Amino acid sequence: MGEVSGNGGTAFEAPYESAKIYTMLENNPEVMNDLARKIGLTKELSFYDVYSLYDSDLLAMVPRPVFALLTTIPMTEAWKQDRDAEDTDLEWYKGAGLEEPAIWFRQTIIHGCGLIGLLHCVSNGVPSEMIVPGSELANFFEKAAPLGMDERARLLNESESMYQASEAVAQNGDTEALKPGEDSIHHFVALVKGLDGHLWELEGSRKGPLDRGSLGKDEDALSERALELGIRRLVDIQRKAGGDLPFSCIALAPSVE
């Protein structure tokens, strides 16, 4: 269920635009599992295709619990209007430190949305023992956690190892990777259960993490309530506007191999 995605290149008003231009990633398990392993996620977790948001039999194919969903969604006019209305009254995110219910990374990297989407998934809700000690991922999170929004963006921009890992998997998708000068209307959006038990919508080109509501103790990121608060909400926005919403969705869950 691969989609090539770009988030329009960079976040608007980006203070630290990367000198590097990333190759856009495809949102499928092969690509994201390869990238996750390269930077330090253990083999105990894997990404899986989510083939339906409504069919209980297809949803049951995904191992549980689901720690995060990673989706790619096209920027339709209906979604753009909804985003603009929501962002108008929001201030730029000022959170930092281990007390954050969800760790968020602002995108200032050209075409780096796939990597940022992956980081949003593996940095929220995943047990710490699932990250290899001393790995690039572990070291990066240790440095990033206490930093504010702009400093985190700079840290990621300047990480040569993250760039190399992303580039190494960029050709592994089912479709031809977009060239650096090309663009895409698709956005990577991660949906995770935060430390506060809420569902958080995380996208690097917004003003910060978005709290979509509380989840029960036994409700994961693929539970009925999480789907209603998250990806199904976006589908409904488009349906009310008179159309369908093409998207891809993968889930981060325990490995079964």
C-alpha atoms as a PDB file:
ATOM      1  CA  MET A   1       0.000   0.000   0.000  1.00  0.00           C
ATOM      2  CA  GLY A   2       2.783   2.381  -0.854  1.00  0.00           C
ATOM      3  CA  GLU A   3       2.442   6.090  -1.451  1.00  0.00           C
ATOM      4  CA  VAL A   4       5.298   8.472  -2.111  1.00  0.00           C
ATOM      5  CA  SER A   5       4.947  11.520   0.076  1.00  0.00           C
ATOM      6  CA  GLY A   6       6.547  14.888   0.431  1.00  0.00           C
ATOM      7  CA  ASN A   7       4.760  17.300   2.793  1.00  0.00           C
ATOM      8  CA  GLY A   8       5.353  20.001   0.219  1.00  0.00           C
ATOM      9  CA  GLY A   9       9.117  19.963   0.753  1.00  0.00           C
ATOM     10  CA  THR A  10       9.610  21.989   3.948  1.00  0.00           C
ATOM     11  CA  ALA A  11       7.559  23.400   6.786  1.00  0.00           C
ATOM     12  CA  PHE A  12       6.486  26.991   6.307  1.00  0.00           C
ATOM     13  CA  GLU A  13       8.512  29.716   8.052  1.00  0.00           C
ATOM     14  CA  ALA A  14      11.224  27.120   8.649  1.00  0.00           C
ATOM     15  CA  PRO A  15      14.082  28.729  10.608  1.00  0.00           C
ATOM     16  CA  TYR A  16      16.701  26.118   9.747  1.00  0.00           C
ATOM     17  CA  GLU A  17      16.309  24.744   6.242  1.00  0.00           C
ATOM     18  CA  SER A  18      18.566  21.784   5.657  1.00  0.00           C
ATOM     19  CA  ALA A  19      21.270  22.033   3.035  1.00  0.00           C
ATOM     20  CA  LYS A  20      20.545  18.390   2.210  1.00  0.00           C
ATOM     21  CA  ILE A  21      17.684  17.346  -0.043  1.00  0.00           C
ATOM     22  CA  TYR A  22      16.275  13.984   0.984  1.00  0.00           C
ATOM     23  CA  THR A  23      14.829  11.438  -1.408  1.00  0.00           C
ATOM     24  CA  MET A  24      11.138  10.995  -0.632  1.00  0.00           C
ATOM     25  CA  LEU A  25      10.256   7.719   1.053  1.00  0.00           C
ATOM     26  CA  GLU A  26       7.392   5.383   0.283  1.00  0.00           C
ATOM     27  CA  ASN A  27       5.081   4.535   3.133  1.00  0.00           C
ATOM     28  CA  ASN A  28       5.248   0.749   3.161  1.00  0.00           C
ATOM     29  CA  PRO A  29       6.462  -1.861   5.677  1.00  0.00           C
ATOM     30  CA  GLU A  30       9.541  -2.880   3.679  1.00  0.00           C
ATOM     31  CA  VAL A  31      10.936   0.644   3.552  1.00  0.00           C
ATOM     32  CA  MET A  32      10.055   1.636   7.110  1.00  0.00           C
ATOM     33  CA  ASN A  33      11.193  -1.628   8.697  1.00  0.00           C
ATOM     34  CA  ASP A  34      14.524  -1.343   6.905  1.00  0.00           C
ATOM     35  CA  LEU A  35      14.970   2.256   8.057  1.00  0.00           C
ATOM     36  CA  ALA A  36      13.885   1.487  11.609  1.00  0.00           C
ATOM     37  CA  ARG A  37      16.393  -1.373  11.896  1.00  0.00           C
ATOM     38  CA  LYS A  38      19.202   0.728  10.452  1.00  0.00           C
ATOM     39  CA  ILE A  39      18.826   3.450  13.069  1.00  0.00           C
ATOM     40  CA  GLY A  40      18.212   1.215  16.079  1.00  0.00           C
ATOM     41  CA  LEU A  41      14.712  -0.217  16.550  1.00  0.00           C
ATOM     42  CA  THR A  42      14.879  -3.847  17.677  1.00  0.00           C
ATOM     43  CA  LYS A  43      13.481  -6.672  15.555  1.00  0.00           C
ATOM     44  CA  GLU A  44      10.783  -7.196  18.192  1.00  0.00           C
ATOM     45  CA  LEU A  45       8.701  -4.480  16.501  1.00  0.00           C
ATOM     46  CA  SER A  46       7.671  -4.236  12.853  1.00  0.00           C
ATOM     47  CA  PHE A  47       5.446  -2.196  10.567  1.00  0.00           C
ATOM     48  CA  TYR A  48       2.468  -3.917   8.921  1.00  0.00           C
ATOM     49  CA  ASP A  49       0.052  -2.882   6.180  1.00  0.00           C
ATOM     50  CA  VAL A  50      -3.392  -1.799   7.342  1.00  0.00           C
ATOM     51  CA  TYR A  51      -5.699  -2.876   4.516  1.00  0.00           C
ATOM     52  CA  SER A  52      -8.939  -1.396   5.863  1.00  0.00           C
ATOM     53  CA  LEU A  53     -10.118   1.077   8.490  1.00  0.00           C
ATOM     54  CA  TYR A  54     -13.553  -0.542   8.789  1.00  0.00           C
ATOM     55  CA  ASP A  55     -13.386  -4.294   8.010  1.00  0.00           C
ATOM     56  CA  SER A  56     -12.939  -6.167  11.302  1.00  0.00           C
ATOM     57  CA  ASP A  57     -11.420  -9.228   9.631  1.00  0.00           C
ATOM     58  CA  LEU A  58      -8.757  -7.165   7.842  1.00  0.00           C
ATOM     59  CA  LEU A  59      -8.048  -5.131  10.985  1.00  0.00           C
ATOM     60  CA  ALA A  60      -7.588  -8.409  12.906  1.00  0.00           C
ATOM     61  CA  MET A  61      -4.647  -9.278  10.650  1.00  0.00           C
ATOM     62  CA  VAL A  62      -2.526  -6.634  12.412  1.00  0.00           C
ATOM     63  CA  PRO A  63      -0.727  -7.863  15.574  1.00  0.00           C
ATOM     64  CA  ARG A  64      -1.580  -6.046  18.795  1.00  0.00           C
ATOM     65  CA  PRO A  65      -0.950  -3.838  20.592  1.00  0.00           C
ATOM     66  CA  VAL A  66      -0.411  -1.217  17.909  1.00  0.00           C
ATOM     67  CA  PHE A  67       1.946   1.497  19.129  1.00  0.00           C
ATOM     68  CA  ALA A  68       1.527   3.867  16.188  1.00  0.00           C
ATOM     69  CA  LEU A  69      -0.060   4.346  12.796  1.00  0.00           C
ATOM     70  CA  LEU A  70       1.883   5.994   9.993  1.00  0.00           C
ATOM     71  CA  THR A  71      -0.289   7.318   7.190  1.00  0.00           C
ATOM     72  CA  THR A  72       0.145   9.289   3.999  1.00  0.00           C
ATOM     73  CA  ILE A  73      -2.722  11.544   3.011  1.00  0.00           C
ATOM     74  CA  PRO A  74      -3.136  13.839  -0.003  1.00  0.00           C
ATOM     75  CA  MET A  75      -3.688  17.534   0.652  1.00  0.00           C
ATOM     76  CA  THR A  76      -7.255  17.874  -0.579  1.00  0.00           C
ATOM     77  CA  GLU A  77      -9.067  21.206  -0.501  1.00  0.00           C
ATOM     78  CA  ALA A  78     -11.359  19.945   2.268  1.00  0.00           C
ATOM     79  CA  TRP A  79      -8.460  18.863   4.486  1.00  0.00           C
ATOM     80  CA  LYS A  80      -6.580  22.094   3.770  1.00  0.00           C
ATOM     81  CA  GLN A  81      -9.561  24.148   4.900  1.00  0.00           C
ATOM     82  CA  ASP A  82      -9.852  22.074   8.077  1.00  0.00           C
ATOM     83  CA  ARG A  83      -6.111  22.417   8.796  1.00  0.00           C
ATOM     84  CA  ASP A  84      -6.062  26.146   8.157  1.00  0.00           C
ATOM     85  CA  ALA A  85      -9.047  26.710  10.436  1.00  0.00           C
ATOM     86  CA  GLU A  86      -7.458  24.672  13.223  1.00  0.00           C
ATOM     87  CA  ASP A  87      -3.986  26.206  12.892  1.00  0.00           C
ATOM     88  CA  THR A  88      -5.231  29.810  12.899  1.00  0.00           C
ATOM     89  CA  ASP A  89      -5.736  29.923  16.662  1.00  0.00           C
ATOM     90  CA  LEU A  90      -2.802  27.695  17.592  1.00  0.00           C
ATOM     91  CA  GLU A  91       0.500  29.024  18.911  1.00  0.00           C
ATOM     92  CA  TRP A  92       3.817  27.479  17.911  1.00  0.00           C
ATOM     93  CA  TYR A  93       4.741  24.557  20.132  1.00  0.00           C
ATOM     94  CA  LYS A  94       6.887  25.378  23.150  1.00  0.00           C
ATOM     95  CA  GLY A  95       7.166  21.944  24.745  1.00  0.00           C
ATOM     96  CA  ALA A  96      10.448  20.230  25.599  1.00  0.00           C
ATOM     97  CA  GLY A  97      11.789  17.613  27.965  1.00  0.00           C
ATOM     98  CA  LEU A  98      10.769  14.211  29.209  1.00  0.00           C
ATOM     99  CA  GLU A  99       7.476  15.567  30.581  1.00  0.00           C
ATOM    100  CA  GLU A 100       6.071  15.924  27.075  1.00  0.00           C
ATOM    101  CA  PRO A 101       3.119  13.573  26.512  1.00  0.00           C
ATOM    102  CA  ALA A 102       4.249  13.197  22.887  1.00  0.00           C
ATOM    103  CA  ILE A 103       7.588  14.030  21.262  1.00  0.00           C
ATOM    104  CA  TRP A 104       7.167  16.128  18.109  1.00  0.00           C
ATOM    105  CA  PHE A 105       9.644  17.110  15.399  1.00  0.00           C
ATOM    106  CA  ARG A 106       9.117  20.154  13.228  1.00  0.00           C
ATOM    107  CA  GLN A 107       9.960  19.537   9.583  1.00  0.00           C
ATOM    108  CA  THR A 108      12.485  21.906   8.088  1.00  0.00           C
ATOM    109  CA  ILE A 109      14.218  19.221   5.992  1.00  0.00           C
ATOM    110  CA  ILE A 110      13.452  19.209   2.286  1.00  0.00           C
ATOM    111  CA  HIS A 111      11.478  16.007   1.569  1.00  0.00           C
ATOM    112  CA  GLY A 112      12.368  14.614   5.010  1.00  0.00           C
ATOM    113  CA  CYS A 113       8.759  13.877   5.937  1.00  0.00           C
ATOM    114  CA  GLY A 114       9.125  10.085   5.775  1.00  0.00           C
ATOM    115  CA  LEU A 115      12.005  10.020   8.235  1.00  0.00           C
ATOM    116  CA  ILE A 116      10.189  12.421  10.544  1.00  0.00           C
ATOM    117  CA  GLY A 117       7.049  10.282  10.360  1.00  0.00           C
ATOM    118  CA  LEU A 118       9.074   7.246  11.392  1.00  0.00           C
ATOM    119  CA  LEU A 119      10.689   9.161  14.270  1.00  0.00           C
ATOM    120  CA  HIS A 120       7.253  10.220  15.489  1.00  0.00           C
ATOM    121  CA  CYS A 121       6.190   6.558  15.570  1.00  0.00           C
ATOM    122  CA  VAL A 122       9.215   5.099  17.343  1.00  0.00           C
ATOM    123  CA  SER A 123       9.668   7.938  19.847  1.00  0.00           C
ATOM    124  CA  ASN A 124       6.137   7.755  21.275  1.00  0.00           C
ATOM    125  CA  GLY A 125       4.617   4.838  23.161  1.00  0.00           C
ATOM    126  CA  VAL A 126       7.324   2.354  22.219  1.00  0.00           C
ATOM    127  CA  PRO A 127       8.887   0.696  25.297  1.00  0.00           C
ATOM    128  CA  SER A 128      12.448   1.898  25.831  1.00  0.00           C
ATOM    129  CA  GLU A 129      13.795  -1.663  25.689  1.00  0.00           C
ATOM    130  CA  MET A 130      12.669  -1.826  22.057  1.00  0.00           C
ATOM    131  CA  ILE A 131      15.385   0.671  21.117  1.00  0.00           C
ATOM    132  CA  VAL A 132      18.906  -0.753  20.881  1.00  0.00           C
ATOM    133  CA  PRO A 133      21.160   0.837  23.551  1.00  0.00           C
ATOM    134  CA  GLY A 134      23.935   2.939  22.041  1.00  0.00           C
ATOM    135  CA  SER A 135      22.256   2.968  18.619  1.00  0.00           C
ATOM    136  CA  GLU A 136      21.844   6.050  16.449  1.00  0.00           C
ATOM    137  CA  LEU A 137      18.194   6.187  17.492  1.00  0.00           C
ATOM    138  CA  ALA A 138      18.965   5.945  21.216  1.00  0.00           C
ATOM    139  CA  ASN A 139      21.677   8.594  21.013  1.00  0.00           C
ATOM    140  CA  PHE A 140      19.497  10.886  18.908  1.00  0.00           C
ATOM    141  CA  PHE A 141      16.550  10.710  21.315  1.00  0.00           C
ATOM    142  CA  GLU A 142      18.819  11.389  24.282  1.00  0.00           C
ATOM    143  CA  LYS A 143      20.005  14.581  22.599  1.00  0.00           C
ATOM    144  CA  ALA A 144      16.603  15.595  21.228  1.00  0.00           C
ATOM    145  CA  ALA A 145      14.401  15.093  24.304  1.00  0.00           C
ATOM    146  CA  PRO A 146      15.466  18.206  26.286  1.00  0.00           C
ATOM    147  CA  LEU A 147      15.498  20.505  23.236  1.00  0.00           C
ATOM    148  CA  GLY A 148      12.858  22.947  22.060  1.00  0.00           C
ATOM    149  CA  MET A 149      11.197  22.907  18.659  1.00  0.00           C
ATOM    150  CA  ASP A 150      13.828  24.814  16.690  1.00  0.00           C
ATOM    151  CA  GLU A 151      16.793  23.117  18.356  1.00  0.00           C
ATOM    152  CA  ARG A 152      15.330  19.692  17.570  1.00  0.00           C
ATOM    153  CA  ALA A 153      14.896  20.699  13.956  1.00  0.00           C
ATOM    154  CA  ARG A 154      18.514  21.815  13.804  1.00  0.00           C
ATOM    155  CA  LEU A 155      19.713  18.575  15.426  1.00  0.00           C
ATOM    156  CA  LEU A 156      17.922  16.475  12.814  1.00  0.00           C
ATOM    157  CA  ASN A 157      19.041  18.726   9.978  1.00  0.00           C
ATOM    158  CA  GLU A 158      22.659  18.275  10.974  1.00  0.00           C
ATOM    159  CA  SER A 159      22.500  14.486  11.489  1.00  0.00           C
ATOM    160  CA  GLU A 160      24.513  12.936   8.675  1.00  0.00           C
ATOM    161  CA  SER A 161      23.809   9.398   9.938  1.00  0.00           C
ATOM    162  CA  MET A 162      20.016   9.916   9.804  1.00  0.00           C
ATOM    163  CA  TYR A 163      20.344  11.310   6.294  1.00  0.00           C
ATOM    164  CA  GLN A 164      22.461   8.382   5.121  1.00  0.00           C
ATOM    165  CA  ALA A 165      20.073   5.839   6.656  1.00  0.00           C
ATOM    166  CA  SER A 166      17.074   7.441   4.961  1.00  0.00           C
ATOM    167  CA  GLU A 167      18.818   7.609   1.593  1.00  0.00           C
ATOM    168  CA  ALA A 168      19.889   3.958   1.872  1.00  0.00           C
ATOM    169  CA  VAL A 169      16.263   2.750   1.922  1.00  0.00           C
ATOM    170  CA  ALA A 170      14.740   5.319  -0.442  1.00  0.00           C
ATOM    171  CA  GLN A 171      14.857   3.027  -3.499  1.00  0.00           C
ATOM    172  CA  ASN A 172      13.259   0.051  -1.749  1.00  0.00           C
ATOM    173  CA  GLY A 173       9.619   0.931  -2.424  1.00  0.00           C
ATOM    174  CA  ASP A 174       7.184  -0.467  -4.960  1.00  0.00           C
ATOM    175  CA  THR A 175       7.155   2.738  -7.010  1.00  0.00           C
ATOM    176  CA  GLU A 176       9.943   4.835  -8.460  1.00  0.00           C
ATOM    177  CA  ALA A 177      11.211   7.382  -5.941  1.00  0.00           C
ATOM    178  CA  LEU A 178      10.507  10.989  -6.777  1.00  0.00           C
ATOM    179  CA  LYS A 179      13.487  13.058  -7.860  1.00  0.00           C
ATOM    180  CA  PRO A 180      14.741  15.767  -5.469  1.00  0.00           C
ATOM    181  CA  GLY A 181      13.274  18.517  -7.632  1.00  0.00           C
ATOM    182  CA  GLU A 182       9.856  16.854  -7.835  1.00  0.00           C
ATOM    183  CA  ASP A 183       7.120  17.269  -5.259  1.00  0.00           C
ATOM    184  CA  SER A 184       4.099  15.432  -3.920  1.00  0.00           C
ATOM    185  CA  ILE A 185       0.788  16.496  -2.418  1.00  0.00           C
ATOM    186  CA  HIS A 186       0.904  13.668   0.130  1.00  0.00           C
ATOM    187  CA  HIS A 187       1.669  14.278   3.799  1.00  0.00           C
ATOM    188  CA  PHE A 188       3.017  11.822   6.381  1.00  0.00           C
ATOM    189  CA  VAL A 189       0.871  11.839   9.538  1.00  0.00           C
ATOM    190  CA  ALA A 190       1.648   9.696  12.595  1.00  0.00           C
ATOM    191  CA  LEU A 191      -1.025   8.764  15.135  1.00  0.00           C
ATOM    192  CA  VAL A 192       0.324   7.605  18.491  1.00  0.00           C
ATOM    193  CA  LYS A 193      -0.848   6.961  22.040  1.00  0.00           C
ATOM    194  CA  GLY A 194       1.048   9.399  24.233  1.00  0.00           C
ATOM    195  CA  LEU A 195       2.303   9.062  27.777  1.00  0.00           C
ATOM    196  CA  ASP A 196      -0.892  10.769  28.939  1.00  0.00           C
ATOM    197  CA  GLY A 197      -3.080   8.113  27.331  1.00  0.00           C
ATOM    198  CA  HIS A 198      -4.298  10.470  24.613  1.00  0.00           C
ATOM    199  CA  LEU A 199      -4.189   9.995  20.858  1.00  0.00           C
ATOM    200  CA  TRP A 200      -1.753  12.472  19.316  1.00  0.00           C
ATOM    201  CA  GLU A 201      -1.638  13.464  15.662  1.00  0.00           C
ATOM    202  CA  LEU A 202       1.932  14.271  14.676  1.00  0.00           C
ATOM    203  CA  GLU A 203       2.968  15.968  11.454  1.00  0.00           C
ATOM    204  CA  GLY A 204       6.125  17.997  10.985  1.00  0.00           C
ATOM    205  CA  SER A 205       4.476  20.736   8.945  1.00  0.00           C
ATOM    206  CA  ARG A 206       1.914  21.726  11.594  1.00  0.00           C
ATOM    207  CA  LYS A 207       2.503  24.132  14.508  1.00  0.00           C
ATOM    208  CA  GLY A 208       2.942  21.318  17.003  1.00  0.00           C
ATOM    209  CA  PRO A 209       1.493  18.000  18.190  1.00  0.00           C
ATOM    210  CA  LEU A 210      -2.315  17.783  18.099  1.00  0.00           C
ATOM    211  CA  ASP A 211      -4.258  16.176  20.964  1.00  0.00           C
ATOM    212  CA  ARG A 212      -7.169  14.251  19.443  1.00  0.00           C
ATOM    213  CA  GLY A 213      -8.650  12.956  22.700  1.00  0.00           C
ATOM    214  CA  SER A 214      -8.255  10.382  25.448  1.00  0.00           C
ATOM    215  CA  LEU A 215      -7.983   6.630  24.972  1.00  0.00           C
ATOM    216  CA  GLY A 216      -8.847   3.954  27.478  1.00  0.00           C
ATOM    217  CA  LYS A 217      -6.134   2.000  29.244  1.00  0.00           C
ATOM    218  CA  ASP A 218      -6.705  -0.998  26.959  1.00  0.00           C
ATOM    219  CA  GLU A 219      -7.196   1.015  23.754  1.00  0.00           C
ATOM    220  CA  ASP A 220      -4.213   1.118  21.394  1.00  0.00           C
ATOM    221  CA  ALA A 221      -3.548   3.205  18.268  1.00  0.00           C
ATOM    222  CA  LEU A 222      -5.702   0.864  16.138  1.00  0.00           C
ATOM    223  CA  SER A 223      -8.641   0.651  18.540  1.00  0.00           C
ATOM    224  CA  GLU A 224     -12.105   1.738  17.412  1.00  0.00           C
ATOM    225  CA  ARG A 225     -11.874   4.972  19.380  1.00  0.00           C
ATOM    226  CA  ALA A 226      -8.378   5.771  18.078  1.00  0.00           C
ATOM    227  CA  LEU A 227      -9.537   5.220  14.499  1.00  0.00           C
ATOM    228  CA  GLU A 228     -12.560   7.465  15.018  1.00  0.00           C
ATOM    229  CA  LEU A 229     -10.468  10.234  16.602  1.00  0.00           C
ATOM    230  CA  GLY A 230      -7.688   9.896  14.041  1.00  0.00           C
ATOM    231  CA  ILE A 231      -7.615   8.657  10.455  1.00  0.00           C
ATOM    232  CA  ARG A 232     -11.374   8.079  10.102  1.00  0.00           C
ATOM    233  CA  ARG A 233     -11.942  11.718  11.062  1.00  0.00           C
ATOM    234  CA  LEU A 234      -9.874  12.766   8.050  1.00  0.00           C
ATOM    235  CA  VAL A 235     -11.742  10.348   5.787  1.00  0.00           C
ATOM    236  CA  ASP A 236     -15.038  11.807   7.002  1.00  0.00           C
ATOM    237  CA  ILE A 237     -13.869  15.359   6.244  1.00  0.00           C
ATOM    238  CA  GLN A 238     -13.351  14.390   2.621  1.00  0.00           C
ATOM    239  CA  ARG A 239     -16.580  12.384   2.383  1.00  0.00           C
ATOM    240  CA  LYS A 240     -18.589  15.364   3.621  1.00  0.00           C
ATOM    241  CA  ALA A 241     -16.964  17.377   0.837  1.00  0.00           C
ATOM    242  CA  GLY A 242     -18.229  14.820  -1.670  1.00  0.00           C
ATOM    243  CA  GLY A 243     -15.255  12.588  -2.378  1.00  0.00           C
ATOM    244  CA  ASP A 244     -13.048   9.733  -1.229  1.00  0.00           C
ATOM    245  CA  LEU A 245      -9.690  10.085   0.493  1.00  0.00           C
ATOM    246  CA  PRO A 246      -6.951   7.882  -1.006  1.00  0.00           C
ATOM    247  CA  PHE A 247      -4.369   7.080   1.641  1.00  0.00           C
ATOM    248  CA  SER A 248      -1.847   4.515   2.802  1.00  0.00           C
ATOM    249  CA  CYS A 249      -1.555   3.287   6.374  1.00  0.00           C
ATOM    250  CA  ILE A 250       0.921   1.047   8.186  1.00  0.00           C
ATOM    251  CA  ALA A 251       0.949   0.035  11.848  1.00  0.00           C
ATOM    252  CA  LEU A 252       3.847  -0.414  14.269  1.00  0.00           C
ATOM    253  CA  ALA A 253       3.241  -3.540  16.334  1.00  0.00           C
ATOM    254  CA  PRO A 254       4.991  -6.607  17.828  1.00  0.00           C
ATOM    255  CA  SER A 255       6.834  -8.769  15.321  1.00  0.00           C
ATOM    256  CA  VAL A 256       5.341 -12.198  14.654  1.00  0.00           C
ATOM    257  CA  GLU A 257       8.105 -13.713  12.494  1.00  0.00           C
END
